[in-house]
Amino acid sequence: MTILTVKTNPYSDQKPGTSGLRKRVKAYSQPNYVENFIQSIFDSLDGIEGQTLVIGGDGRFYNDVAIQKAIRIAAANGFGRVLVGRGGILSTPAASHIIRHYGAFGGLVLSASHNPGGPDGDFGIKYNIGNGGPAPEKITDAVFERSKVIESYRTLDTPDIDLDTIGTQQVGGMAVEIIDPVADYAALMQTLFDFDAIRGMFASGFRMTFDAMHAVTGPYAHAILEGMLGAPKGTVINGVPSPTFNHGHPDPNLVYCKEMHDLLMTPDGPDFGAASDGDGDRNLIIGKNRFVTPSDSLALLAANAHLAPGYRGGIAGIARSMPTSAAADRVAEKLGIEMHETPTGWKFFGNLLDAGRVTICGEESAGTGSNHVREKDGLWAVLLWLNILAVRKQGVDAIVREHWRLYGRNYYTRHDYEEVDAAIANNLVDDLRGQLAALPGRVFEDDLQIAYADDFTYLDPVDGSTSARQGIRIGFTDGSRIVLRLSGTGTVGATLRVYLERYEAPDGRHDLDTQLALEPLIGIIESLAGIRARTGRSEPSVIT
């Protein structure tokens, strides 16, 4: 079949962010926008001839259109085989596992994660390398440079393939295999967790609710929780993926999962509540009368991982993103294992995982995972929590309180200012960066004295690469911290994120309201950065 070389003009805005290229659907709908970006990815890779490529996404609007384009371009560029989840569906962690399990060269993950979907919503494309993890910066930088000068892309003039029927089809000389999106992932989970213990817990009357948020984890949760583990039908709610996420916001936080949170705070509510996001890599954990912050969840999972069969030999180390609270650091210290602080973005964990230096990783933005894949994994976190509950035979609240009595509590919150004018946000950050050298030694109310102030630079201990300007850190002598950075996951304007953390010792007070406990730090960052005055926002868009 004849390969078509189509002339095109470059776009200047195809720089991948923290998790690939995320834009409005309207941007992706521009002539050749998808084709340019995918061809730029393939042009930046060596040795793709005859290789296997994985393609799948979260089922959001435009997912099916982009997959058909990607298949034709892959065939025209010499890939020998493509594996696609039935219906175009693959959760991000499942895609990572499929890449690793079948020895694929890499994969295209089509998702904008927790961002809204639909014709007026967001879309995204991310390239994952052969270890199953997001492409490192040397590849994403090369893709961006290529996208700025691209003059043509290669494709085939072929009809759309059937994405809904498992089996093999041909596109040009390339085999396209439609696979079950759930089966391989579910089999992997069985090797990690004590399904018998969890099944017994459900049989004894344990109740939970899992909100799939009309997103990709619905089929996975139905199959594993209700099918393999015997949770009652109806445990999984909003379990059918929708291109618009039922016109909702697939972000598992206390704003968009407020109804579930409120239910868990009532006497008649279930014992456990959980949720996952658009592409299945984030999680929300709530016990009866206890919301577990993502930072605390990371620390608790690391401290209790040995209770699950897949981790009974212990964990090699823990890694967390820089803005994530230091709660996990205290666990690593007690266990005598490595602890690594990285920039935000799961790609920075890949080298540590591949080198065997860490086993469990996490980010404050509700992402946790382990060395079973090279992505964060929402359902994995839920299953590990269930395994812990089944073995310890305690409720979430009791486990959390016991953890604080042993390690102390890190009061922690994140304030997001979304869709801020990009120029204002960048100037705000630049101005604060200019103050850093003069900040150490300054004393504020409540005797809060700044111990250090810097713009975080990460030196990868495995490959020696350096990543600079990864977020402003202001640390205090009592262990408190303020972090301020611009997020790379928004699609309109800029998202300004402020992270606030205060440590309370094991014998201290662990029952304070989080926002009240952090009030002095909130005042300090406002006095230093002037966020409200400069953005015109009286309060954050979201507080988590």
Protein backbone atom coordinates (compact mmCIF):
# COMPACT_ATOMS: atom_id res chain seq x y z
CA MET A 1 0.00 0.00 0.00
CA THR A 2 1.30 3.45 -0.94
CA ILE A 3 2.58 5.64 1.87
CA LEU A 4 1.31 9.21 1.59
CA THR A 5 3.64 12.08 2.41
CA VAL A 6 1.42 15.01 3.34
CA LYS A 7 2.78 18.55 3.37
CA THR A 8 2.06 20.48 6.54
CA ASN A 9 2.90 23.64 8.44
CA PRO A 10 4.31 23.56 11.97
CA TYR A 11 2.51 24.77 15.07
CA SER A 12 4.47 26.71 17.67
CA ASP A 13 2.57 25.48 20.74
CA GLN A 14 3.30 21.74 20.79
CA LYS A 15 5.62 21.69 23.80
CA PRO A 16 4.82 18.69 26.01
CA GLY A 17 4.18 19.52 29.66
CA THR A 18 4.44 17.41 32.79
CA SER A 19 2.25 14.70 31.24
CA GLY A 20 2.38 15.13 27.49
CA LEU A 21 0.68 17.68 25.26
CA ARG A 22 -2.66 18.83 26.66
CA LYS A 23 -4.86 21.26 24.78
CA ARG A 24 -8.50 21.99 24.18
CA VAL A 25 -10.20 19.63 21.74
CA LYS A 26 -10.60 22.64 19.45
CA ALA A 27 -6.81 22.97 19.28
CA TYR A 28 -6.38 19.30 18.42
CA SER A 29 -9.09 19.64 15.78
CA GLN A 30 -7.01 22.10 13.76
CA PRO A 31 -5.76 20.78 10.40
CA ASN A 32 -2.87 18.33 10.89
CA TYR A 33 -2.45 19.18 14.57
CA VAL A 34 -2.61 15.55 15.71
CA GLU A 35 -0.64 14.34 12.72
CA ASN A 36 2.14 16.89 13.27
CA PHE A 37 2.61 15.96 16.91
CA ILE A 38 2.58 12.20 16.40
CA GLN A 39 4.95 12.43 13.44
CA SER A 40 7.23 14.64 15.56
CA ILE A 41 7.27 11.90 18.20
CA PHE A 42 8.16 9.20 15.69
CA ASP A 43 10.80 11.43 14.06
CA SER A 44 12.45 11.79 17.50
CA LEU A 45 12.78 8.02 18.05
CA ASP A 46 15.41 5.67 16.67
CA GLY A 47 14.83 2.05 15.69
CA ILE A 48 11.05 1.89 15.35
CA GLU A 49 11.07 -0.24 12.20
CA GLY A 50 9.11 -3.45 12.82
CA GLN A 51 8.53 -2.63 16.51
CA THR A 52 5.37 -2.92 18.60
CA LEU A 53 3.46 0.19 19.66
CA VAL A 54 0.69 0.35 22.28
CA ILE A 55 -2.17 2.82 21.78
CA GLY A 56 -5.05 3.54 24.14
CA GLY A 57 -6.76 6.26 26.09
CA ASP A 58 -9.38 7.19 28.63
CA GLY A 59 -12.33 7.22 26.22
CA ARG A 60 -12.78 10.98 26.30
CA PHE A 61 -14.18 12.91 23.35
CA TYR A 62 -11.87 12.77 20.29
CA ASN A 63 -10.14 9.64 21.60
CA ASP A 64 -11.44 7.46 18.76
CA VAL A 65 -10.60 10.02 16.06
CA ALA A 66 -7.01 10.43 17.28
CA ILE A 67 -6.49 6.67 17.58
CA GLN A 68 -7.44 6.09 13.93
CA LYS A 69 -5.00 8.82 12.86
CA ALA A 70 -2.25 7.38 15.09
CA ILE A 71 -2.69 3.87 13.66
CA ARG A 72 -2.29 5.08 10.07
CA ILE A 73 0.76 7.18 10.93
CA ALA A 74 2.34 4.28 12.85
CA ALA A 75 1.85 1.98 9.87
CA ALA A 76 3.33 4.53 7.48
CA ASN A 77 6.36 5.00 9.72
CA GLY A 78 7.26 1.33 9.81
CA PHE A 79 5.89 -0.09 13.06
CA GLY A 80 5.23 -3.80 12.70
CA ARG A 81 2.42 -4.19 15.23
CA VAL A 82 0.06 -2.03 17.24
CA LEU A 83 -1.82 -3.16 20.35
CA VAL A 84 -5.02 -1.19 21.03
CA GLY A 85 -7.41 -1.56 23.93
CA ARG A 86 -10.90 -2.57 22.86
CA GLY A 87 -12.99 0.53 22.22
CA GLY A 88 -9.78 2.55 22.31
CA ILE A 89 -9.77 2.12 26.10
CA LEU A 90 -6.65 1.65 28.22
CA SER A 91 -6.14 3.22 31.61
CA THR A 92 -2.75 4.89 31.92
CA PRO A 93 -1.39 2.28 34.38
CA ALA A 94 -2.80 -0.53 32.23
CA ALA A 95 -1.08 0.96 29.17
CA SER A 96 2.19 1.02 31.11
CA HIS A 97 1.74 -2.64 32.04
CA ILE A 98 0.86 -3.63 28.47
CA ILE A 99 4.03 -1.95 27.16
CA ARG A 100 6.13 -3.84 29.70
CA HIS A 101 4.25 -7.16 29.52
CA TYR A 102 4.46 -7.47 25.73
CA GLY A 103 7.89 -5.91 25.32
CA ALA A 104 6.59 -3.02 23.22
CA PHE A 105 8.87 -0.28 21.94
CA GLY A 106 6.61 2.33 23.54
CA GLY A 107 3.08 3.63 23.55
CA LEU A 108 0.78 6.56 22.87
CA VAL A 109 -1.49 7.36 25.82
CA LEU A 110 -4.40 9.54 24.73
CA SER A 111 -5.69 11.40 27.76
CA ALA A 112 -5.85 14.71 29.55
CA SER A 113 -6.01 12.84 32.87
CA HIS A 114 -8.27 14.63 35.37
CA ASN A 115 -9.17 17.52 33.03
CA PRO A 116 -12.78 17.84 31.78
CA GLY A 117 -13.74 16.18 28.47
CA GLY A 118 -16.20 16.80 25.66
CA PRO A 119 -16.16 18.99 22.54
CA ASP A 120 -15.34 22.04 24.65
CA GLY A 121 -13.06 20.11 27.01
CA ASP A 122 -9.48 18.93 26.90
CA PHE A 123 -7.52 16.27 25.08
CA GLY A 124 -3.95 15.05 25.37
CA ILE A 125 -1.31 12.80 23.85
CA LYS A 126 1.64 11.42 25.80
CA TYR A 127 4.43 9.14 24.64
CA ASN A 128 5.62 6.40 27.01
CA ILE A 129 8.93 4.63 26.44
CA GLY A 130 9.77 0.94 26.58
CA ASN A 131 9.96 0.76 30.38
CA GLY A 132 6.29 1.78 30.43
CA GLY A 133 6.93 5.24 31.83
CA PRO A 134 6.50 8.75 30.41
CA ALA A 135 9.20 9.88 28.01
CA PRO A 136 12.09 11.70 29.72
CA GLU A 137 12.83 15.33 29.00
CA LYS A 138 15.51 14.55 26.41
CA ILE A 139 12.78 12.97 24.25
CA THR A 140 10.03 15.51 24.93
CA ASP A 141 12.47 18.34 24.23
CA ALA A 142 13.42 16.70 20.93
CA VAL A 143 9.73 16.28 20.04
CA PHE A 144 9.09 19.97 20.65
CA GLU A 145 12.06 21.03 18.57
CA ARG A 146 10.92 18.78 15.74
CA SER A 147 7.35 20.07 15.93
CA LYS A 148 8.55 23.62 15.30
CA VAL A 149 10.08 22.76 11.92
CA ILE A 150 8.07 19.80 10.65
CA GLU A 151 7.15 20.06 6.96
CA SER A 152 5.35 16.77 6.31
CA TYR A 153 3.94 13.65 7.91
CA ARG A 154 3.49 10.09 6.64
CA THR A 155 0.18 8.25 6.66
CA LEU A 156 -1.94 5.76 4.72
CA ASP A 157 -5.22 6.24 2.90
CA THR A 158 -7.13 3.41 4.59
CA PRO A 159 -10.58 3.07 6.15
CA ASP A 160 -11.05 3.22 9.91
CA ILE A 161 -10.54 -0.08 11.66
CA ASP A 162 -13.03 -1.76 14.03
CA LEU A 163 -11.94 -0.82 17.54
CA ASP A 164 -14.69 -2.80 19.27
CA THR A 165 -13.90 -6.38 18.25
CA ILE A 166 -11.02 -8.32 19.81
CA GLY A 167 -8.75 -9.79 17.15
CA THR A 168 -6.18 -8.86 14.53
CA GLN A 169 -6.65 -6.57 11.53
CA GLN A 170 -4.20 -5.24 8.95
CA VAL A 171 -3.39 -1.62 8.15
CA GLY A 172 -0.94 -1.64 5.31
CA GLY A 173 1.79 -4.05 6.33
CA MET A 174 1.15 -3.52 10.07
CA ALA A 175 -0.88 -5.83 12.32
CA VAL A 176 -3.38 -4.13 14.59
CA GLU A 177 -4.42 -6.27 17.56
CA ILE A 178 -7.48 -5.22 19.53
CA ILE A 179 -7.00 -6.57 23.06
CA ASP A 180 -9.04 -6.83 26.25
CA PRO A 181 -8.09 -3.65 28.16
CA VAL A 182 -8.68 -5.18 31.61
CA ALA A 183 -7.48 -8.81 31.57
CA ASP A 184 -3.69 -8.35 31.74
CA TYR A 185 -3.95 -5.61 34.35
CA ALA A 186 -6.29 -7.66 36.54
CA ALA A 187 -3.93 -10.63 36.35
CA LEU A 188 -1.08 -8.39 37.52
CA MET A 189 -3.09 -7.18 40.52
CA GLN A 190 -3.64 -10.81 41.59
CA THR A 191 0.12 -11.27 41.90
CA LEU A 192 0.45 -8.26 44.21
CA PHE A 193 -2.45 -8.52 46.64
CA ASP A 194 -4.12 -11.07 48.89
CA PHE A 195 -7.40 -11.40 47.02
CA ASP A 196 -8.58 -14.14 49.39
CA ALA A 197 -8.22 -11.86 52.42
CA ILE A 198 -9.98 -8.98 50.68
CA ARG A 199 -12.72 -11.29 49.43
CA GLY A 200 -13.22 -12.53 52.99
CA MET A 201 -13.49 -8.96 54.28
CA PHE A 202 -16.29 -8.21 51.81
CA ALA A 203 -18.00 -11.49 52.71
CA SER A 204 -17.99 -10.47 56.39
CA GLY A 205 -20.04 -7.34 55.65
CA PHE A 206 -17.37 -4.73 54.84
CA ARG A 207 -18.93 -1.96 52.73
CA MET A 208 -17.25 0.40 50.31
CA THR A 209 -18.12 2.70 47.45
CA PHE A 210 -15.89 3.32 44.46
CA ASP A 211 -16.63 6.31 42.23
CA ALA A 212 -15.23 5.74 38.74
CA MET A 213 -16.41 9.26 37.78
CA HIS A 214 -17.76 8.08 34.40
CA ALA A 215 -14.13 7.53 33.42
CA VAL A 216 -11.77 4.77 32.40
CA THR A 217 -11.53 2.82 35.68
CA GLY A 218 -15.19 1.78 35.56
CA PRO A 219 -14.57 -1.45 33.60
CA TYR A 220 -11.50 -2.25 35.73
CA ALA A 221 -13.32 -1.66 39.03
CA HIS A 222 -16.38 -3.65 37.96
CA ALA A 223 -14.18 -6.59 36.93
CA ILE A 224 -11.87 -6.58 39.96
CA LEU A 225 -13.91 -5.22 42.88
CA GLU A 226 -17.33 -6.62 42.05
CA GLY A 227 -16.20 -9.57 39.95
CA MET A 228 -13.00 -11.04 41.37
CA LEU A 229 -13.28 -9.74 44.95
CA GLY A 230 -17.00 -10.25 45.47
CA ALA A 231 -17.96 -6.72 46.45
CA PRO A 232 -21.75 -6.32 46.15
CA LYS A 233 -23.13 -5.04 42.86
CA GLY A 234 -23.50 -1.29 43.14
CA THR A 235 -20.20 -0.89 44.99
CA VAL A 236 -18.87 0.75 41.82
CA ILE A 237 -20.80 3.87 40.88
CA ASN A 238 -20.55 5.96 37.71
CA GLY A 239 -18.81 2.97 36.17
CA VAL A 240 -19.54 3.44 32.46
CA PRO A 241 -16.91 5.57 30.64
CA SER A 242 -18.38 8.63 28.97
CA PRO A 243 -16.72 10.86 26.32
CA THR A 244 -17.77 13.85 28.42
CA PHE A 245 -17.43 12.14 31.82
CA ASN A 246 -21.18 12.67 32.03
CA HIS A 247 -20.45 16.41 31.75
CA GLY A 248 -18.54 16.22 35.02
CA HIS A 249 -15.01 16.90 36.18
CA PRO A 250 -13.06 13.60 36.55
CA ASP A 251 -10.74 14.81 39.31
CA PRO A 252 -10.93 12.71 42.51
CA ASN A 253 -10.78 15.43 45.12
CA LEU A 254 -13.07 16.79 47.81
CA VAL A 255 -14.65 19.30 45.45
CA TYR A 256 -15.82 16.86 42.80
CA CYS A 257 -16.35 13.92 45.19
CA LYS A 258 -18.07 15.96 47.91
CA GLU A 259 -21.18 13.75 47.92
CA MET A 260 -19.12 10.65 48.61
CA HIS A 261 -17.09 12.44 51.27
CA ASP A 262 -20.24 13.61 53.05
CA LEU A 263 -21.64 10.07 52.93
CA LEU A 264 -18.50 8.68 54.59
CA MET A 265 -18.87 11.22 57.38
CA THR A 266 -22.29 9.85 58.40
CA PRO A 267 -23.01 6.95 60.79
CA ASP A 268 -24.81 5.01 58.05
CA GLY A 269 -22.10 5.51 55.43
CA PRO A 270 -19.88 2.70 54.15
CA ASP A 271 -16.60 1.71 55.77
CA PHE A 272 -14.43 2.87 52.90
CA GLY A 273 -14.69 5.19 49.92
CA ALA A 274 -12.40 5.63 46.95
CA ALA A 275 -12.34 7.23 43.52
CA SER A 276 -10.11 7.48 40.49
CA ASP A 277 -9.73 10.04 37.74
CA GLY A 278 -10.19 10.29 33.98
CA ASP A 279 -7.33 8.00 32.96
CA GLY A 280 -7.12 5.90 36.12
CA ASP A 281 -3.80 7.04 37.53
CA ARG A 282 -5.02 9.09 40.51
CA ASN A 283 -6.88 8.09 43.65
CA LEU A 284 -8.97 9.45 46.47
CA ILE A 285 -9.07 7.59 49.79
CA ILE A 286 -11.69 8.24 52.47
CA GLY A 287 -12.48 6.09 55.49
CA LYS A 288 -15.44 6.47 57.79
CA ASN A 289 -14.93 9.90 59.37
CA ARG A 290 -11.43 10.21 57.91
CA PHE A 291 -10.22 11.76 54.66
CA VAL A 292 -6.66 10.62 53.95
CA THR A 293 -4.53 13.24 52.23
CA PRO A 294 -2.51 11.93 49.27
CA SER A 295 0.72 12.72 51.12
CA ASP A 296 -0.38 10.77 54.18
CA SER A 297 -1.65 7.95 51.97
CA LEU A 298 1.79 7.60 50.40
CA ALA A 299 3.40 7.37 53.83
CA LEU A 300 0.82 4.90 55.13
CA LEU A 301 1.03 2.65 52.06
CA ALA A 302 4.82 2.58 52.30
CA ALA A 303 4.73 1.80 56.02
CA ASN A 304 2.24 -1.05 55.53
CA ALA A 305 3.18 -2.40 52.10
CA HIS A 306 4.75 -5.50 53.65
CA LEU A 307 1.25 -6.73 54.49
CA ALA A 308 0.59 -7.40 50.78
CA PRO A 309 2.12 -10.50 49.14
CA GLY A 310 3.84 -8.51 46.40
CA TYR A 311 5.84 -6.50 48.95
CA ARG A 312 6.44 -8.97 51.80
CA GLY A 313 10.17 -8.82 51.26
CA GLY A 314 10.11 -5.12 52.12
CA ILE A 315 10.53 -2.08 49.92
CA ALA A 316 13.84 -0.77 48.60
CA GLY A 317 13.02 2.90 48.96
CA ILE A 318 10.45 5.67 48.57
CA ALA A 319 10.35 8.58 46.15
CA ARG A 320 8.08 11.61 46.32
CA SER A 321 7.68 14.74 44.27
CA MET A 322 9.16 17.83 45.84
CA PRO A 323 5.81 19.50 46.70
CA THR A 324 4.56 16.34 48.43
CA SER A 325 4.72 16.49 52.21
CA ALA A 326 7.65 14.97 54.10
CA ALA A 327 5.43 12.40 55.85
CA ALA A 328 6.97 9.62 53.73
CA ASP A 329 10.47 10.79 54.66
CA ARG A 330 9.82 9.81 58.26
CA VAL A 331 8.73 6.34 57.19
CA ALA A 332 11.86 5.88 55.08
CA GLU A 333 14.04 7.01 57.99
CA LYS A 334 12.43 4.53 60.38
CA LEU A 335 12.67 1.67 57.85
CA GLY A 336 16.28 2.56 57.04
CA ILE A 337 15.64 2.77 53.29
CA GLU A 338 16.40 5.30 50.55
CA MET A 339 14.27 8.44 50.23
CA HIS A 340 14.29 10.57 47.08
CA GLU A 341 12.78 13.99 46.39
CA THR A 342 12.14 14.60 42.68
CA PRO A 343 10.45 17.24 40.53
CA THR A 344 6.75 16.87 39.80
CA GLY A 345 6.05 14.40 37.01
CA TRP A 346 6.08 10.61 37.09
CA LYS A 347 8.85 10.49 34.49
CA PHE A 348 11.34 11.44 37.20
CA PHE A 349 10.61 8.24 39.13
CA GLY A 350 11.40 5.98 36.17
CA ASN A 351 15.19 5.85 36.57
CA LEU A 352 14.92 5.20 40.31
CA LEU A 353 12.43 2.37 39.74
CA ASP A 354 14.45 0.83 36.91
CA ALA A 355 17.59 0.94 39.05
CA GLY A 356 15.80 -0.83 41.91
CA ARG A 357 16.45 2.04 44.29
CA VAL A 358 12.79 2.67 45.15
CA THR A 359 9.65 0.54 45.24
CA ILE A 360 6.86 3.00 46.06
CA CYS A 361 6.43 6.51 44.67
CA GLY A 362 3.89 9.24 45.16
CA GLU A 363 2.78 12.76 44.42
CA GLU A 364 0.59 15.07 46.46
CA SER A 365 -1.76 15.36 43.48
CA ALA A 366 -3.37 12.04 44.40
CA GLY A 367 -0.94 9.83 42.50
CA THR A 368 0.73 6.79 44.04
CA GLY A 369 2.24 3.70 42.51
CA SER A 370 4.96 1.10 42.76
CA ASN A 371 7.49 -0.78 40.67
CA HIS A 372 4.75 -2.97 39.13
CA VAL A 373 4.36 -0.33 36.37
CA ARG A 374 6.00 2.99 35.55
CA GLU A 375 2.95 5.18 36.08
CA LYS A 376 0.91 6.16 39.08
CA ASP A 377 -1.99 3.78 39.54
CA GLY A 378 -5.27 4.73 41.19
CA LEU A 379 -6.83 1.28 41.45
CA TRP A 380 -3.55 -0.20 42.72
CA ALA A 381 -3.62 2.25 45.62
CA VAL A 382 -7.22 1.31 46.41
CA LEU A 383 -6.38 -2.39 46.36
CA LEU A 384 -3.36 -1.93 48.62
CA TRP A 385 -5.54 -0.03 51.09
CA LEU A 386 -8.07 -2.86 50.99
CA ASN A 387 -5.28 -5.39 51.59
CA ILE A 388 -4.06 -3.40 54.59
CA LEU A 389 -7.57 -3.10 56.03
CA ALA A 390 -8.17 -6.83 55.57
CA VAL A 391 -4.95 -7.81 57.36
CA ARG A 392 -4.96 -5.24 60.16
CA LYS A 393 -8.71 -5.57 60.76
CA GLN A 394 -8.92 -1.89 61.72
CA GLY A 395 -10.75 1.02 60.19
CA VAL A 396 -9.02 3.75 58.20
CA ASP A 397 -9.33 6.31 61.00
CA ALA A 398 -7.71 4.02 63.57
CA ILE A 399 -4.83 3.20 61.20
CA VAL A 400 -4.21 6.88 60.42
CA ARG A 401 -4.26 7.93 64.07
CA GLU A 402 -1.89 5.14 65.03
CA HIS A 403 0.46 6.22 62.25
CA TRP A 404 0.52 9.80 63.54
CA ARG A 405 1.24 8.61 67.09
CA LEU A 406 4.28 6.79 65.73
CA TYR A 407 5.59 9.24 63.11
CA GLY A 408 3.93 12.57 63.88
CA ARG A 409 1.55 14.45 61.61
CA ASN A 410 2.36 16.65 58.64
CA TYR A 411 -0.52 19.12 58.33
CA TYR A 412 -0.70 19.75 54.62
CA THR A 413 -2.81 21.54 52.01
CA ARG A 414 -2.62 22.68 48.39
CA HIS A 415 -4.20 25.90 47.13
CA ASP A 416 -4.79 26.03 43.36
CA TYR A 417 -5.40 29.24 41.43
CA GLU A 418 -6.61 28.02 38.04
CA GLU A 419 -6.70 29.80 34.67
CA VAL A 420 -4.66 32.74 35.91
CA ASP A 421 -3.41 35.12 33.25
CA ALA A 422 -0.10 33.54 32.21
CA ALA A 423 1.85 36.80 32.18
CA ILE A 424 0.68 37.70 35.69
CA ALA A 425 1.49 34.22 37.01
CA ASN A 426 4.96 34.18 35.46
CA ASN A 427 5.78 37.66 36.76
CA LEU A 428 4.60 36.68 40.23
CA VAL A 429 6.89 33.65 40.27
CA ASP A 430 9.82 35.62 38.86
CA ASP A 431 9.42 38.33 41.48
CA LEU A 432 9.32 35.78 44.30
CA ARG A 433 12.35 34.05 42.81
CA GLY A 434 14.18 37.38 43.00
CA GLN A 435 13.57 37.56 46.78
CA LEU A 436 14.95 34.12 47.62
CA ALA A 437 18.54 35.08 48.41
CA ALA A 438 17.41 37.57 51.07
CA LEU A 439 14.84 35.36 52.79
CA PRO A 440 16.90 32.99 55.02
CA GLY A 441 16.92 34.24 58.60
CA ARG A 442 13.73 36.29 58.37
CA VAL A 443 11.37 35.76 61.28
CA PHE A 444 7.56 35.98 60.99
CA GLU A 445 4.71 35.64 63.46
CA ASP A 446 4.60 32.55 65.66
CA ASP A 447 8.44 32.65 65.62
CA LEU A 448 8.49 31.09 62.16
CA GLN A 449 12.04 31.60 60.91
CA ILE A 450 13.09 30.86 57.34
CA ALA A 451 15.93 28.35 57.22
CA TYR A 452 16.32 28.15 53.45
CA ALA A 453 14.76 29.50 50.26
CA ASP A 454 15.58 28.18 46.81
CA ASP A 455 14.34 27.20 43.37
CA PHE A 456 14.51 23.41 43.43
CA THR A 457 17.07 21.76 41.15
CA TYR A 458 17.08 17.99 40.80
CA LEU A 459 20.17 15.93 40.10
CA ASP A 460 19.15 12.46 38.94
CA PRO A 461 21.30 10.01 40.95
CA VAL A 462 21.03 7.37 38.22
CA ASP A 463 21.87 9.15 34.96
CA GLY A 464 23.33 12.40 36.30
CA SER A 465 20.86 14.64 34.44
CA THR A 466 19.84 17.96 35.95
CA SER A 467 16.40 19.59 36.01
CA ALA A 468 16.38 23.20 37.19
CA ARG A 469 13.65 25.65 38.21
CA GLN A 470 11.26 22.96 39.44
CA GLY A 471 9.48 25.05 42.05
CA ILE A 472 10.19 27.58 44.79
CA ARG A 473 10.82 26.14 48.25
CA ILE A 474 10.73 28.14 51.47
CA GLY A 475 11.66 26.06 54.50
CA PHE A 476 11.43 27.00 58.15
CA THR A 477 13.51 25.96 61.14
CA ASP A 478 10.62 23.99 62.68
CA GLY A 479 10.23 21.79 59.58
CA SER A 480 7.37 23.76 58.05
CA ARG A 481 7.46 24.44 54.30
CA ILE A 482 5.90 26.58 51.61
CA VAL A 483 6.22 25.54 47.97
CA LEU A 484 5.02 27.58 45.00
CA ARG A 485 5.10 26.44 41.38
CA LEU A 486 3.27 26.70 38.08
CA SER A 487 1.54 23.49 37.04
CA GLY A 488 2.12 21.89 33.66
CA THR A 489 -1.28 20.19 33.41
CA GLY A 490 -3.59 23.10 32.65
CA THR A 491 -4.71 24.04 29.14
CA VAL A 492 -5.88 27.65 29.60
CA GLY A 493 -3.76 30.38 31.15
CA ALA A 494 -1.63 29.23 34.07
CA THR A 495 -2.37 27.19 37.18
CA LEU A 496 -0.56 28.59 40.21
CA ARG A 497 -0.15 26.07 43.02
CA VAL A 498 0.79 26.82 46.60
CA TYR A 499 1.66 23.97 48.97
CA LEU A 500 1.73 24.50 52.73
CA GLU A 501 3.07 22.08 55.33
CA ARG A 502 3.54 22.09 59.09
CA TYR A 503 4.94 19.21 61.15
CA GLU A 504 3.49 18.18 64.51
CA ALA A 505 5.57 15.71 66.56
CA PRO A 506 4.24 12.29 67.67
CA ASP A 507 3.30 13.69 71.07
CA GLY A 508 1.77 16.87 69.63
CA ARG A 509 -1.76 17.86 68.64
CA HIS A 510 -3.09 15.86 65.71
CA ASP A 511 -6.74 16.99 65.76
CA LEU A 512 -6.47 20.58 64.53
CA ASP A 513 -8.38 21.87 61.52
CA THR A 514 -5.87 21.75 58.67
CA GLN A 515 -6.51 25.24 57.29
CA LEU A 516 -6.36 26.77 60.77
CA ALA A 517 -3.16 24.90 61.55
CA LEU A 518 -1.61 26.33 58.40
CA GLU A 519 -3.02 29.85 58.71
CA PRO A 520 0.33 31.49 59.63
CA LEU A 521 1.97 30.01 56.53
CA ILE A 522 -0.92 31.17 54.35
CA GLY A 523 -0.34 34.70 55.63
CA ILE A 524 3.41 34.50 55.01
CA ILE A 525 3.15 33.48 51.36
CA GLU A 526 0.54 36.16 50.74
CA SER A 527 2.85 38.79 52.21
CA LEU A 528 5.76 37.57 50.09
CA ALA A 529 4.00 36.90 46.78
CA GLY A 530 0.85 39.04 46.85
CA ILE A 531 -1.19 36.36 45.13
CA ARG A 532 -4.61 37.83 45.85
CA ALA A 533 -3.69 41.35 44.88
CA ARG A 534 -1.89 40.34 41.69
CA THR A 535 -4.36 37.72 40.42
CA GLY A 536 -7.54 39.45 41.61
CA ARG A 537 -8.60 36.20 43.30
CA SER A 538 -10.06 36.44 46.79
CA GLU A 539 -9.55 32.71 47.36
CA PRO A 540 -8.10 29.67 45.61
CA SER A 541 -10.10 27.90 42.88
CA VAL A 542 -9.61 24.58 44.68
CA ILE A 543 -8.30 23.67 48.13
CA THR A 544 -7.18 20.09 48.72
